[in-house]
C-alpha cells in the first residue's frame, strides 16, 4: 500500500522502482491518496489498477486488498 505523497520520493517513483525489478514486478500495489487529475493520469499511464481516495472506508480497504491479493492456498 502506497501513498503518492511520501517523504523523499513520491509513491509513483517508488512504484516505478519496484515495477522495474523483475523479482518484485508481480507484487500487487494499492495506492491511497487524495486523487487529483494529474495523479489519475499518472496511475493510468502505469496501469495501476486500484486507488483508494482518502478518506476511505475500512470496508473499501478490505475489499481492495481481497481484489488485489492472490488467493492463499489452504
Protein backbone atom coordinates (compact mmCIF):
# COMPACT_ATOMS: atom_id res chain seq x y z
CA UNK A 1 0.00 0.00 0.00
CA UNK A 2 1.49 3.30 -1.12
CA UNK A 3 0.56 6.94 -0.84
CA UNK A 4 1.58 9.32 -3.61
CA UNK A 5 2.93 11.78 -1.06
CA UNK A 6 5.92 10.08 0.57
CA UNK A 7 8.86 11.98 2.08
CA UNK A 8 11.93 11.99 -0.14
CA UNK A 9 10.31 10.39 -3.19
CA UNK A 10 6.78 10.07 -4.46
CA UNK A 11 4.84 6.84 -4.21
CA UNK A 12 4.77 6.82 -8.01
CA UNK A 13 8.58 6.93 -8.12
CA UNK A 14 8.75 4.06 -5.63
CA UNK A 15 6.21 2.13 -7.69
CA UNK A 16 8.36 2.66 -10.80
CA UNK A 17 11.43 1.29 -8.99
CA UNK A 18 9.55 -1.73 -7.67
CA UNK A 19 7.95 -2.40 -11.05
CA UNK A 20 11.38 -2.23 -12.77
CA UNK A 21 12.66 -5.10 -10.60
CA UNK A 22 11.65 -8.41 -12.18
CA UNK A 23 11.55 -10.08 -8.75
CA UNK A 24 9.02 -7.57 -7.44
CA UNK A 25 7.02 -6.76 -10.57
CA UNK A 26 4.18 -9.14 -9.69
CA UNK A 27 3.65 -7.71 -6.18
CA UNK A 28 0.23 -6.02 -6.16
CA UNK A 29 0.25 -2.36 -5.17
CA UNK A 30 -2.69 -0.48 -3.72
CA UNK A 31 -2.44 3.31 -3.80
CA UNK A 32 -4.21 5.54 -1.33
CA UNK A 33 -4.22 9.25 -1.97
CA UNK A 34 -6.24 12.38 -2.36
CA UNK A 35 -6.59 11.79 -6.11
CA UNK A 36 -6.09 14.71 -8.42
CA UNK A 37 -6.45 14.74 -12.19
CA UNK A 38 -2.67 14.77 -12.51
CA UNK A 39 -2.35 11.69 -10.30
CA UNK A 40 -5.18 9.89 -12.13
CA UNK A 41 -3.31 10.38 -15.42
CA UNK A 42 -0.11 9.01 -13.90
CA UNK A 43 -1.96 5.98 -12.49
CA UNK A 44 -3.47 5.17 -15.91
CA UNK A 45 -0.10 5.57 -17.70
CA UNK A 46 1.40 3.00 -15.34
CA UNK A 47 -1.52 0.57 -15.49
CA UNK A 48 -2.20 0.97 -11.77
CA UNK A 49 -5.43 -0.88 -11.16
CA UNK A 50 -6.56 0.18 -7.73
CA UNK A 51 -6.55 3.53 -5.96
CA UNK A 52 -8.40 4.39 -2.77
CA UNK A 53 -9.28 8.02 -2.34
CA UNK A 54 -8.69 9.44 1.15
CA UNK A 55 -10.50 9.35 3.40
CA UNK A 56 -11.59 5.80 2.65
CA UNK A 57 -13.83 3.36 4.43
CA UNK A 58 -12.28 0.31 6.11
CA UNK A 59 -14.63 -1.96 4.15
CA UNK A 60 -13.32 -0.47 0.89
CA UNK A 61 -9.75 -1.17 2.02
CA UNK A 62 -10.58 -4.78 2.87
CA UNK A 63 -12.38 -5.30 -0.45
CA UNK A 64 -9.46 -3.77 -2.37
CA UNK A 65 -6.89 -5.99 -0.65
CA UNK A 66 -9.01 -9.07 -1.37
CA UNK A 67 -9.30 -8.00 -5.01
CA UNK A 68 -5.55 -7.48 -5.50
CA UNK A 69 -4.09 -10.23 -3.31
CA UNK A 70 -3.58 -13.69 -4.76
CA UNK A 71 -5.62 -16.42 -3.08
CA UNK A 72 -3.91 -18.21 -0.21
CA UNK A 73 -3.65 -21.97 -0.64
CA UNK A 74 -5.31 -23.92 2.15
